[in-house]
Amino acid sequence: NQQGGIVEKEAPIDISNVMYLYKGSPVRIGFEGTGKDKKRVAKVDGK
């Protein structure tokens, strides 16, 4: 960077401050199954 100067970039934030977006709405994430069958699941309206 021959010029130097001020660079704008993203900084990390805590993982607890974000929620996964599932079909446009923030939801909680859980896991279902064990071992190789373990999948991530979205907890939507009790389902």
All heavy atoms as atom14 arrays in JSON, in Angstrom:
{
  "sequence": "NQQGGIVEKEAPIDISNVMYLYKGSPVRIGFEGTGKDKKRVAKVDGK",
  "atom14_mask": [
    [1, 1, 1, 1, 1, 1, 1, 1, 0, 0, 0, 0, 0, 0],
    [1, 1, 1, 1, 1, 1, 1, 1, 1, 0, 0, 0, 0, 0],
    [1, 1, 1, 1, 1, 1, 1, 1, 1, 0, 0, 0, 0, 0],
    [1, 1, 1, 1, 0, 0, 0, 0, 0, 0, 0, 0, 0, 0],
    [1, 1, 1, 1, 0, 0, 0, 0, 0, 0, 0, 0, 0, 0],
    [1, 1, 1, 1, 1, 1, 1, 1, 0, 0, 0, 0, 0, 0],
    [1, 1, 1, 1, 1, 1, 1, 0, 0, 0, 0, 0, 0, 0],
    [1, 1, 1, 1, 1, 1, 1, 1, 1, 0, 0, 0, 0, 0],
    [1, 1, 1, 1, 1, 1, 1, 1, 1, 0, 0, 0, 0, 0],
    [1, 1, 1, 1, 1, 1, 1, 1, 1, 0, 0, 0, 0, 0],
    [1, 1, 1, 1, 1, 0, 0, 0, 0, 0, 0, 0, 0, 0],
    [1, 1, 1, 1, 1, 1, 1, 0, 0, 0, 0, 0, 0, 0],
    [1, 1, 1, 1, 1, 1, 1, 1, 0, 0, 0, 0, 0, 0],
    [1, 1, 1, 1, 1, 1, 1, 1, 0, 0, 0, 0, 0, 0],
    [1, 1, 1, 1, 1, 1, 1, 1, 0, 0, 0, 0, 0, 0],
    [1, 1, 1, 1, 1, 1, 0, 0, 0, 0, 0, 0, 0, 0],
    [1, 1, 1, 1, 1, 1, 1, 1, 0, 0, 0, 0, 0, 0],
    [1, 1, 1, 1, 1, 1, 1, 0, 0, 0, 0, 0, 0, 0],
    [1, 1, 1, 1, 1, 1, 1, 1, 0, 0, 0, 0, 0, 0],
    [1, 1, 1, 1, 1, 1, 1, 1, 1, 1, 1, 1, 0, 0],
    [1, 1, 1, 1, 1, 1, 1, 1, 0, 0, 0, 0, 0, 0],
    [1, 1, 1, 1, 1, 1, 1, 1, 1, 1, 1, 1, 0, 0],
    [1, 1, 1, 1, 1, 1, 1, 1, 1, 0, 0, 0, 0, 0],
    [1, 1, 1, 1, 0, 0, 0, 0, 0, 0, 0, 0, 0, 0],
    [1, 1, 1, 1, 1, 1, 0, 0, 0, 0, 0, 0, 0, 0],
    [1, 1, 1, 1, 1, 1, 1, 0, 0, 0, 0, 0, 0, 0],
    [1, 1, 1, 1, 1, 1, 1, 0, 0, 0, 0, 0, 0, 0],
    [1, 1, 1, 1, 1, 1, 1, 1, 1, 1, 1, 0, 0, 0],
    [1, 1, 1, 1, 1, 1, 1, 1, 0, 0, 0, 0, 0, 0],
    [1, 1, 1, 1, 0, 0, 0, 0, 0, 0, 0, 0, 0, 0],
    [1, 1, 1, 1, 1, 1, 1, 1, 1, 1, 1, 0, 0, 0],
    [1, 1, 1, 1, 1, 1, 1, 1, 1, 0, 0, 0, 0, 0],
    [1, 1, 1, 1, 0, 0, 0, 0, 0, 0, 0, 0, 0, 0],
    [1, 1, 1, 1, 1, 1, 1, 0, 0, 0, 0, 0, 0, 0],
    [1, 1, 1, 1, 0, 0, 0, 0, 0, 0, 0, 0, 0, 0],
    [1, 1, 1, 1, 1, 1, 1, 1, 1, 0, 0, 0, 0, 0],
    [1, 1, 1, 1, 1, 1, 1, 1, 0, 0, 0, 0, 0, 0],
    [1, 1, 1, 1, 1, 1, 1, 1, 1, 0, 0, 0, 0, 0],
    [1, 1, 1, 1, 1, 1, 1, 1, 1, 0, 0, 0, 0, 0],
    [1, 1, 1, 1, 1, 1, 1, 1, 1, 1, 1, 0, 0, 0],
    [1, 1, 1, 1, 1, 1, 1, 0, 0, 0, 0, 0, 0, 0],
    [1, 1, 1, 1, 1, 0, 0, 0, 0, 0, 0, 0, 0, 0],
    [1, 1, 1, 1, 1, 1, 1, 1, 1, 0, 0, 0, 0, 0],
    [1, 1, 1, 1, 1, 1, 1, 0, 0, 0, 0, 0, 0, 0],
    [1, 1, 1, 1, 1, 1, 1, 1, 0, 0, 0, 0, 0, 0],
    [1, 1, 1, 1, 0, 0, 0, 0, 0, 0, 0, 0, 0, 0],
    [1, 1, 1, 1, 1, 1, 1, 1, 1, 0, 0, 0, 0, 0]
  ],
  "atom14_positions": [
    [[0.85, -1.18, 0.0], [0.0, 0.0, 0.0], [0.9, 1.24, 0.0], [1.24, 1.76, 1.06], [-0.93, -0.03, 1.23], [-1.93, 1.09, 1.21], [-2.02, 1.84, 0.26], [-2.68, 1.21, 2.29], [0.0, 0.0, 0.0], [0.0, 0.0, 0.0], [0.0, 0.0, 0.0], [0.0, 0.0, 0.0], [0.0, 0.0, 0.0], [0.0, 0.0, 0.0]],
    [[1.28, 1.71, -1.19], [2.21, 2.82, -1.31], [1.65, 4.11, -0.7], [2.39, 4.91, -0.16], [2.52, 3.07, -2.81], [3.18, 1.91, -3.5], [4.67, 1.83, -3.23], [5.32, 2.83, -2.99], [5.21, 0.62, -3.28], [0.0, 0.0, 0.0], [0.0, 0.0, 0.0], [0.0, 0.0, 0.0], [0.0, 0.0, 0.0], [0.0, 0.0, 0.0]],
    [[0.34, 4.29, -0.79], [-0.3, 5.51, -0.34], [-0.43, 5.56, 1.18], [-0.27, 6.6, 1.8], [-1.7, 5.61, -0.97], [-2.42, 6.91, -0.7], [-1.95, 8.02, -1.62], [-1.32, 7.77, -2.62], [-2.25, 9.25, -1.26], [0.0, 0.0, 0.0], [0.0, 0.0, 0.0], [0.0, 0.0, 0.0], [0.0, 0.0, 0.0], [0.0, 0.0, 0.0]],
    [[-0.77, 4.43, 1.81], [-1.08, 4.46, 3.23], [-2.46, 5.05, 3.42], [-3.27, 5.07, 2.49], [0.0, 0.0, 0.0], [0.0, 0.0, 0.0], [0.0, 0.0, 0.0], [0.0, 0.0, 0.0], [0.0, 0.0, 0.0], [0.0, 0.0, 0.0], [0.0, 0.0, 0.0], [0.0, 0.0, 0.0], [0.0, 0.0, 0.0], [0.0, 0.0, 0.0]],
    [[-2.77, 5.53, 4.61], [-4.04, 6.22, 4.84], [-4.97, 5.46, 5.74], [-4.56, 4.62, 6.53], [0.0, 0.0, 0.0], [0.0, 0.0, 0.0], [0.0, 0.0, 0.0], [0.0, 0.0, 0.0], [0.0, 0.0, 0.0], [0.0, 0.0, 0.0], [0.0, 0.0, 0.0], [0.0, 0.0, 0.0], [0.0, 0.0, 0.0], [0.0, 0.0, 0.0]],
    [[-6.26, 5.75, 5.6], [-7.29, 5.17, 6.47], [-8.04, 4.1, 5.69], [-8.56, 4.34, 4.61], [-8.26, 6.26, 6.96], [-7.48, 7.34, 7.72], [-9.33, 5.66, 7.84], [-8.29, 8.56, 8.06], [0.0, 0.0, 0.0], [0.0, 0.0, 0.0], [0.0, 0.0, 0.0], [0.0, 0.0, 0.0], [0.0, 0.0, 0.0], [0.0, 0.0, 0.0]],
    [[-8.12, 2.9, 6.28], [-8.8, 1.77, 5.66], [-10.0, 1.39, 6.53], [-9.87, 1.28, 7.75], [-7.85, 0.55, 5.52], [-8.56, -0.63, 4.93], [-6.62, 0.92, 4.7], [0.0, 0.0, 0.0], [0.0, 0.0, 0.0], [0.0, 0.0, 0.0], [0.0, 0.0, 0.0], [0.0, 0.0, 0.0], [0.0, 0.0, 0.0], [0.0, 0.0, 0.0]],
    [[-11.16, 1.21, 5.9], [-12.36, 0.8, 6.63], [-12.54, -0.7, 6.47], [-12.48, -1.22, 5.36], [-13.58, 1.54, 6.08], [-14.83, 1.3, 6.89], [-16.02, 2.08, 6.35], [-15.95, 2.56, 5.2], [-17.01, 2.19, 7.07], [0.0, 0.0, 0.0], [0.0, 0.0, 0.0], [0.0, 0.0, 0.0], [0.0, 0.0, 0.0], [0.0, 0.0, 0.0]],
    [[-12.74, -1.42, 7.6], [-12.95, -2.86, 7.53], [-13.85, -3.32, 8.66], [-14.13, -2.56, 9.58], [-11.61, -3.59, 7.58], [-10.82, -3.39, 8.87], [-9.5, -4.11, 8.8], [-9.2, -4.79, 10.1], [-8.03, -5.62, 10.07], [0.0, 0.0, 0.0], [0.0, 0.0, 0.0], [0.0, 0.0, 0.0], [0.0, 0.0, 0.0], [0.0, 0.0, 0.0]],
    [[-14.32, -4.58, 8.55], [-15.19, -5.14, 9.58], [-14.35, -5.67, 10.74], [-13.27, -6.21, 10.53], [-16.03, -6.29, 9.02], [-17.05, -5.88, 8.0], [-16.6, -6.12, 6.58], [-15.46, -6.56, 6.37], [-17.39, -5.83, 5.67], [0.0, 0.0, 0.0], [0.0, 0.0, 0.0], [0.0, 0.0, 0.0], [0.0, 0.0, 0.0], [0.0, 0.0, 0.0]],
    [[-14.88, -5.52, 11.95], [-14.25, -6.07, 13.14], [-15.15, -7.18, 13.68], [-16.37, -7.15, 13.46], [-14.05, -4.99, 14.19], [0.0, 0.0, 0.0], [0.0, 0.0, 0.0], [0.0, 0.0, 0.0], [0.0, 0.0, 0.0], [0.0, 0.0, 0.0], [0.0, 0.0, 0.0], [0.0, 0.0, 0.0], [0.0, 0.0, 0.0], [0.0, 0.0, 0.0]],
    [[-14.57, -8.17, 14.37], [-15.39, -9.26, 14.91], [-16.32, -8.8, 16.02], [-16.01, -7.86, 16.76], [-14.38, -10.26, 15.44], [-13.05, -9.65, 15.33], [-13.16, -8.36, 14.61], [0.0, 0.0, 0.0], [0.0, 0.0, 0.0], [0.0, 0.0, 0.0], [0.0, 0.0, 0.0], [0.0, 0.0, 0.0], [0.0, 0.0, 0.0], [0.0, 0.0, 0.0]],
    [[-17.48, -9.45, 16.12], [-18.42, -9.2, 17.22], [-18.68, -10.52, 17.92], [-18.42, -11.59, 17.38], [-19.74, -8.56, 16.73], [-20.46, -9.46, 15.74], [-19.5, -7.21, 16.13], [-21.82, -8.94, 15.33], [0.0, 0.0, 0.0], [0.0, 0.0, 0.0], [0.0, 0.0, 0.0], [0.0, 0.0, 0.0], [0.0, 0.0, 0.0], [0.0, 0.0, 0.0]],
    [[-19.2, -10.45, 19.13], [-19.45, -11.66, 19.91], [-20.55, -12.49, 19.26], [-21.53, -11.95, 18.76], [-19.82, -11.3, 21.34], [-19.61, -12.46, 22.28], [-18.46, -12.67, 22.73], [-20.59, -13.19, 22.54], [0.0, 0.0, 0.0], [0.0, 0.0, 0.0], [0.0, 0.0, 0.0], [0.0, 0.0, 0.0], [0.0, 0.0, 0.0], [0.0, 0.0, 0.0]],
    [[-20.38, -13.8, 19.29], [-21.32, -14.71, 18.64], [-22.7, -14.67, 19.3], [-23.71, -14.96, 18.66], [-20.74, -16.14, 18.6], [-21.4, -16.95, 17.5], [-20.85, -16.81, 19.94], [-20.65, -18.19, 17.12], [0.0, 0.0, 0.0], [0.0, 0.0, 0.0], [0.0, 0.0, 0.0], [0.0, 0.0, 0.0], [0.0, 0.0, 0.0], [0.0, 0.0, 0.0]],
    [[-22.75, -14.25, 20.57], [-24.03, -14.18, 21.27], [-24.87, -12.99, 20.81], [-26.05, -12.91, 21.13], [-23.81, -14.09, 22.78], [-23.17, -12.87, 23.1], [0.0, 0.0, 0.0], [0.0, 0.0, 0.0], [0.0, 0.0, 0.0], [0.0, 0.0, 0.0], [0.0, 0.0, 0.0], [0.0, 0.0, 0.0], [0.0, 0.0, 0.0], [0.0, 0.0, 0.0]],
    [[-24.27, -12.07, 20.06], [-24.99, -10.88, 19.6], [-25.62, -11.06, 18.23], [-26.14, -10.1, 17.66], [-24.04, -9.67, 19.57], [-23.62, -9.25, 20.95], [-24.24, -9.62, 21.93], [-22.55, -8.49, 21.04], [0.0, 0.0, 0.0], [0.0, 0.0, 0.0], [0.0, 0.0, 0.0], [0.0, 0.0, 0.0], [0.0, 0.0, 0.0], [0.0, 0.0, 0.0]],
    [[-25.58, -12.27, 17.67], [-26.19, -12.53, 16.37], [-27.14, -13.72, 16.46], [-26.96, -14.6, 17.3], [-25.14, -12.78, 15.26], [-24.27, -11.57, 15.06], [-24.31, -14.0, 15.54], [0.0, 0.0, 0.0], [0.0, 0.0, 0.0], [0.0, 0.0, 0.0], [0.0, 0.0, 0.0], [0.0, 0.0, 0.0], [0.0, 0.0, 0.0], [0.0, 0.0, 0.0]],
    [[-28.17, -13.71, 15.6], [-29.1, -14.84, 15.5], [-29.21, -15.26, 14.05], [-29.17, -14.42, 13.13], [-30.49, -14.46, 16.02], [-30.6, -14.45, 17.51], [-32.3, -14.19, 18.06], [-32.92, -15.86, 18.01], [0.0, 0.0, 0.0], [0.0, 0.0, 0.0], [0.0, 0.0, 0.0], [0.0, 0.0, 0.0], [0.0, 0.0, 0.0], [0.0, 0.0, 0.0]],
    [[-29.35, -16.54, 13.83], [-29.48, -17.11, 12.5], [-30.81, -16.67, 11.87], [-31.84, -16.64, 12.54], [-29.45, -18.64, 12.61], [-29.51, -19.36, 11.3], [-28.38, -19.54, 10.53], [-30.71, -19.86, 10.82], [-28.43, -20.2, 9.32], [-30.78, -20.53, 9.61], [-29.63, -20.7, 8.87], [-29.7, -21.35, 7.67], [0.0, 0.0, 0.0], [0.0, 0.0, 0.0]],
    [[-30.77, -16.31, 10.58], [-31.98, -15.93, 9.86], [-32.49, -17.14, 9.09], [-31.81, -17.67, 8.22], [-31.7, -14.79, 8.89], [-31.65, -13.4, 9.47], [-31.3, -12.39, 8.41], [-32.95, -13.02, 10.14], [0.0, 0.0, 0.0], [0.0, 0.0, 0.0], [0.0, 0.0, 0.0], [0.0, 0.0, 0.0], [0.0, 0.0, 0.0], [0.0, 0.0, 0.0]],
    [[-33.71, -17.57, 9.43], [-34.35, -18.7, 8.76], [-35.64, -18.2, 8.12], [-36.55, -17.77, 8.84], [-34.63, -19.82, 9.76], [-35.26, -21.04, 9.16], [-34.52, -21.89, 8.35], [-36.59, -21.35, 9.4], [-35.1, -23.03, 7.8], [-37.17, -22.47, 8.85], [-36.42, -23.3, 8.04], [-36.99, -24.43, 7.49], [0.0, 0.0, 0.0], [0.0, 0.0, 0.0]],
    [[-35.69, -18.21, 6.81], [-36.84, -17.69, 6.05], [-37.16, -16.25, 6.44], [-38.32, -15.87, 6.62], [-38.07, -18.59, 6.25], [-37.87, -19.99, 5.69], [-39.1, -20.82, 5.85], [-38.88, -22.22, 5.29], [-40.01, -23.1, 5.52], [0.0, 0.0, 0.0], [0.0, 0.0, 0.0], [0.0, 0.0, 0.0], [0.0, 0.0, 0.0], [0.0, 0.0, 0.0]],
    [[-36.11, -15.45, 6.64], [-36.26, -14.02, 6.89], [-36.49, -13.62, 8.33], [-36.56, -12.44, 8.63], [0.0, 0.0, 0.0], [0.0, 0.0, 0.0], [0.0, 0.0, 0.0], [0.0, 0.0, 0.0], [0.0, 0.0, 0.0], [0.0, 0.0, 0.0], [0.0, 0.0, 0.0], [0.0, 0.0, 0.0], [0.0, 0.0, 0.0], [0.0, 0.0, 0.0]],
    [[-36.6, -14.57, 9.26], [-36.81, -14.21, 10.66], [-35.75, -14.86, 11.54], [-35.32, -15.99, 11.28], [-38.2, -14.62, 11.13], [-38.35, -16.01, 11.03], [0.0, 0.0, 0.0], [0.0, 0.0, 0.0], [0.0, 0.0, 0.0], [0.0, 0.0, 0.0], [0.0, 0.0, 0.0], [0.0, 0.0, 0.0], [0.0, 0.0, 0.0], [0.0, 0.0, 0.0]],
    [[-35.3, -14.16, 12.6], [-34.27, -14.72, 13.48], [-34.83, -15.87, 14.31], [-35.92, -15.76, 14.88], [-33.85, -13.54, 14.35], [-34.92, -12.53, 14.21], [-35.65, -12.79, 12.95], [0.0, 0.0, 0.0], [0.0, 0.0, 0.0], [0.0, 0.0, 0.0], [0.0, 0.0, 0.0], [0.0, 0.0, 0.0], [0.0, 0.0, 0.0], [0.0, 0.0, 0.0]],
    [[-34.09, -16.98, 14.36], [-34.51, -18.16, 15.12], [-33.34, -18.72, 15.91], [-32.19, -18.43, 15.63], [-35.06, -19.27, 14.18], [-36.33, -18.84, 13.49], [-34.03, -19.71, 13.18], [0.0, 0.0, 0.0], [0.0, 0.0, 0.0], [0.0, 0.0, 0.0], [0.0, 0.0, 0.0], [0.0, 0.0, 0.0], [0.0, 0.0, 0.0], [0.0, 0.0, 0.0]],
    [[-33.68, -19.56, 16.89], [-32.66, -20.26, 17.65], [-32.24, -21.5, 16.88], [-33.03, -22.07, 16.13], [-33.19, -20.65, 19.02], [-33.41, -19.46, 19.91], [-33.86, -19.88, 21.27], [-34.03, -18.7, 22.11], [-34.17, -18.75, 23.41], [-34.2, -19.92, 24.03], [-34.31, -17.66, 24.1], [0.0, 0.0, 0.0], [0.0, 0.0, 0.0], [0.0, 0.0, 0.0]],
    [[-31.02, -21.93, 17.12], [-30.47, -23.1, 16.44], [-30.19, -24.18, 17.48], [-29.74, -23.89, 18.58], [-29.16, -22.73, 15.72], [-29.4, -21.68, 14.66], [-28.49, -23.95, 15.1], [-30.22, -22.13, 13.51], [0.0, 0.0, 0.0], [0.0, 0.0, 0.0], [0.0, 0.0, 0.0], [0.0, 0.0, 0.0], [0.0, 0.0, 0.0], [0.0, 0.0, 0.0]],
    [[-30.46, -25.42, 17.11], [-30.15, -26.55, 17.97], [-29.58, -27.68, 17.14], [-29.4, -27.56, 15.92], [0.0, 0.0, 0.0], [0.0, 0.0, 0.0], [0.0, 0.0, 0.0], [0.0, 0.0, 0.0], [0.0, 0.0, 0.0], [0.0, 0.0, 0.0], [0.0, 0.0, 0.0], [0.0, 0.0, 0.0], [0.0, 0.0, 0.0], [0.0, 0.0, 0.0]],
    [[-29.3, -28.79, 17.78], [-28.79, -29.97, 17.09], [-29.72, -31.14, 17.35], [-30.29, -31.27, 18.42], [-27.38, -30.31, 17.57], [-26.35, -29.3, 17.16], [-25.9, -28.35, 18.06], [-25.85, -29.28, 15.88], [-24.95, -27.42, 17.69], [-24.9, -28.35, 15.49], [-24.45, -27.42, 16.41], [0.0, 0.0, 0.0], [0.0, 0.0, 0.0], [0.0, 0.0, 0.0]],
    [[-29.85, -32.0, 16.36], [-30.69, -33.19, 16.47], [-29.91, -34.38, 15.94], [-29.25, -34.28, 14.9], [-31.97, -32.99, 15.67], [-33.02, -34.06, 15.92], [-34.31, -33.73, 15.17], [-34.28, -33.7, 13.93], [-35.32, -33.49, 15.85], [0.0, 0.0, 0.0], [0.0, 0.0, 0.0], [0.0, 0.0, 0.0], [0.0, 0.0, 0.0], [0.0, 0.0, 0.0]],
    [[-29.99, -35.5, 16.63], [-29.28, -36.7, 16.2], [-27.94, -36.83, 16.91], [-27.54, -35.97, 17.69], [0.0, 0.0, 0.0], [0.0, 0.0, 0.0], [0.0, 0.0, 0.0], [0.0, 0.0, 0.0], [0.0, 0.0, 0.0], [0.0, 0.0, 0.0], [0.0, 0.0, 0.0], [0.0, 0.0, 0.0], [0.0, 0.0, 0.0], [0.0, 0.0, 0.0]],
    [[-27.25, -37.93, 16.6], [-25.95, -38.17, 17.22], [-24.97, -38.66, 16.16], [-25.37, -39.18, 15.12], [-26.05, -39.25, 18.31], [-26.59, -40.44, 17.74], [-26.91, -38.79, 19.47], [0.0, 0.0, 0.0], [0.0, 0.0, 0.0], [0.0, 0.0, 0.0], [0.0, 0.0, 0.0], [0.0, 0.0, 0.0], [0.0, 0.0, 0.0], [0.0, 0.0, 0.0]],
    [[-23.7, -38.48, 16.44], [-22.65, -38.97, 15.55], [-22.73, -38.36, 14.17], [-22.82, -37.16, 13.99], [0.0, 0.0, 0.0], [0.0, 0.0, 0.0], [0.0, 0.0, 0.0], [0.0, 0.0, 0.0], [0.0, 0.0, 0.0], [0.0, 0.0, 0.0], [0.0, 0.0, 0.0], [0.0, 0.0, 0.0], [0.0, 0.0, 0.0], [0.0, 0.0, 0.0]],
    [[-22.7, -39.22, 13.13], [-22.74, -38.76, 11.75], [-24.13, -38.26, 11.34], [-24.28, -37.57, 10.34], [-22.3, -39.87, 10.8], [-20.84, -40.19, 10.91], [-20.41, -41.09, 9.8], [-18.9, -41.26, 9.87], [-18.31, -41.49, 8.58], [0.0, 0.0, 0.0], [0.0, 0.0, 0.0], [0.0, 0.0, 0.0], [0.0, 0.0, 0.0], [0.0, 0.0, 0.0]],
    [[-25.15, -38.61, 12.11], [-26.51, -38.19, 11.8], [-26.87, -36.84, 12.42], [-28.01, -36.4, 12.32], [-27.51, -39.24, 12.29], [-27.31, -40.58, 11.61], [-26.87, -40.57, 10.45], [-27.58, -41.61, 12.24], [0.0, 0.0, 0.0], [0.0, 0.0, 0.0], [0.0, 0.0, 0.0], [0.0, 0.0, 0.0], [0.0, 0.0, 0.0], [0.0, 0.0, 0.0]],
    [[-25.91, -36.17, 13.06], [-26.18, -34.9, 13.73], [-26.44, -33.81, 12.7], [-25.67, -33.6, 11.78], [-25.0, -34.51, 14.6], [-25.27, -33.33, 15.52], [-24.06, -33.01, 16.34], [-24.4, -33.27, 17.79], [-23.33, -32.84, 18.69], [0.0, 0.0, 0.0], [0.0, 0.0, 0.0], [0.0, 0.0, 0.0], [0.0, 0.0, 0.0], [0.0, 0.0, 0.0]],
    [[-27.57, -33.11, 12.85], [-27.98, -32.04, 11.93], [-28.31, -30.78, 12.73], [-28.78, -30.86, 13.86], [-29.22, -32.44, 11.14], [-29.06, -33.68, 10.3], [-28.35, -33.35, 9.03], [-28.33, -34.6, 8.15], [-27.44, -34.48, 7.05], [0.0, 0.0, 0.0], [0.0, 0.0, 0.0], [0.0, 0.0, 0.0], [0.0, 0.0, 0.0], [0.0, 0.0, 0.0]],
    [[-28.1, -29.62, 12.09], [-28.54, -28.36, 12.7], [-30.02, -28.18, 12.4], [-30.48, -28.44, 11.28], [-27.79, -27.17, 12.11], [-26.41, -26.98, 12.65], [-25.82, -25.64, 12.33], [-25.96, -25.26, 10.94], [-25.77, -24.03, 10.48], [-25.43, -23.06, 11.29], [-25.9, -23.75, 9.21], [0.0, 0.0, 0.0], [0.0, 0.0, 0.0], [0.0, 0.0, 0.0]],
    [[-30.78, -27.74, 13.4], [-32.21, -27.53, 13.21], [-32.58, -26.14, 13.71], [-31.99, -25.62, 14.65], [-33.06, -28.59, 13.93], [-32.88, -29.95, 13.31], [-32.74, -28.66, 15.41], [0.0, 0.0, 0.0], [0.0, 0.0, 0.0], [0.0, 0.0, 0.0], [0.0, 0.0, 0.0], [0.0, 0.0, 0.0], [0.0, 0.0, 0.0], [0.0, 0.0, 0.0]],
    [[-33.56, -25.53, 13.05], [-34.1, -24.23, 13.46], [-35.32, -24.48, 14.33], [-36.18, -25.29, 13.98], [-34.47, -23.41, 12.25], [0.0, 0.0, 0.0], [0.0, 0.0, 0.0], [0.0, 0.0, 0.0], [0.0, 0.0, 0.0], [0.0, 0.0, 0.0], [0.0, 0.0, 0.0], [0.0, 0.0, 0.0], [0.0, 0.0, 0.0], [0.0, 0.0, 0.0]],
    [[-35.38, -23.79, 15.46], [-36.51, -23.95, 16.37], [-37.55, -22.89, 16.03], [-37.46, -21.74, 16.45], [-36.04, -23.81, 17.81], [-35.0, -24.86, 18.19], [-34.47, -24.66, 19.58], [-33.43, -25.71, 19.9], [-32.89, -25.56, 21.26], [0.0, 0.0, 0.0], [0.0, 0.0, 0.0], [0.0, 0.0, 0.0], [0.0, 0.0, 0.0], [0.0, 0.0, 0.0]],
    [[-38.56, -23.3, 15.23], [-39.58, -22.39, 14.73], [-40.93, -22.79, 15.31], [-41.43, -23.87, 15.05], [-39.65, -22.43, 13.18], [-40.65, -21.43, 12.67], [-38.28, -22.18, 12.58], [0.0, 0.0, 0.0], [0.0, 0.0, 0.0], [0.0, 0.0, 0.0], [0.0, 0.0, 0.0], [0.0, 0.0, 0.0], [0.0, 0.0, 0.0], [0.0, 0.0, 0.0]],
    [[-41.56, -21.91, 16.07], [-42.89, -22.13, 16.64], [-43.01, -23.49, 17.33], [-43.98, -24.2, 17.18], [-43.96, -22.02, 15.56], [-43.99, -20.63, 14.93], [-43.68, -19.67, 15.65], [-44.33, -20.53, 13.74], [0.0, 0.0, 0.0], [0.0, 0.0, 0.0], [0.0, 0.0, 0.0], [0.0, 0.0, 0.0], [0.0, 0.0, 0.0], [0.0, 0.0, 0.0]],
    [[-41.99, -23.84, 18.12], [-42.04, -25.09, 18.86], [-41.72, -26.32, 18.04], [-41.71, -27.43, 18.54], [0.0, 0.0, 0.0], [0.0, 0.0, 0.0], [0.0, 0.0, 0.0], [0.0, 0.0, 0.0], [0.0, 0.0, 0.0], [0.0, 0.0, 0.0], [0.0, 0.0, 0.0], [0.0, 0.0, 0.0], [0.0, 0.0, 0.0], [0.0, 0.0, 0.0]],
    [[-41.46, -26.14, 16.76], [-41.13, -27.27, 15.87], [-39.67, -27.18, 15.47], [-39.06, -26.11, 15.51], [-41.98, -27.23, 14.61], [-43.47, -27.3, 14.86], [-44.22, -27.13, 13.56], [-45.69, -26.86, 13.88], [-46.35, -26.16, 12.82], [0.0, 0.0, 0.0], [0.0, 0.0, 0.0], [0.0, 0.0, 0.0], [0.0, 0.0, 0.0], [0.0, 0.0, 0.0]]
  ]
}
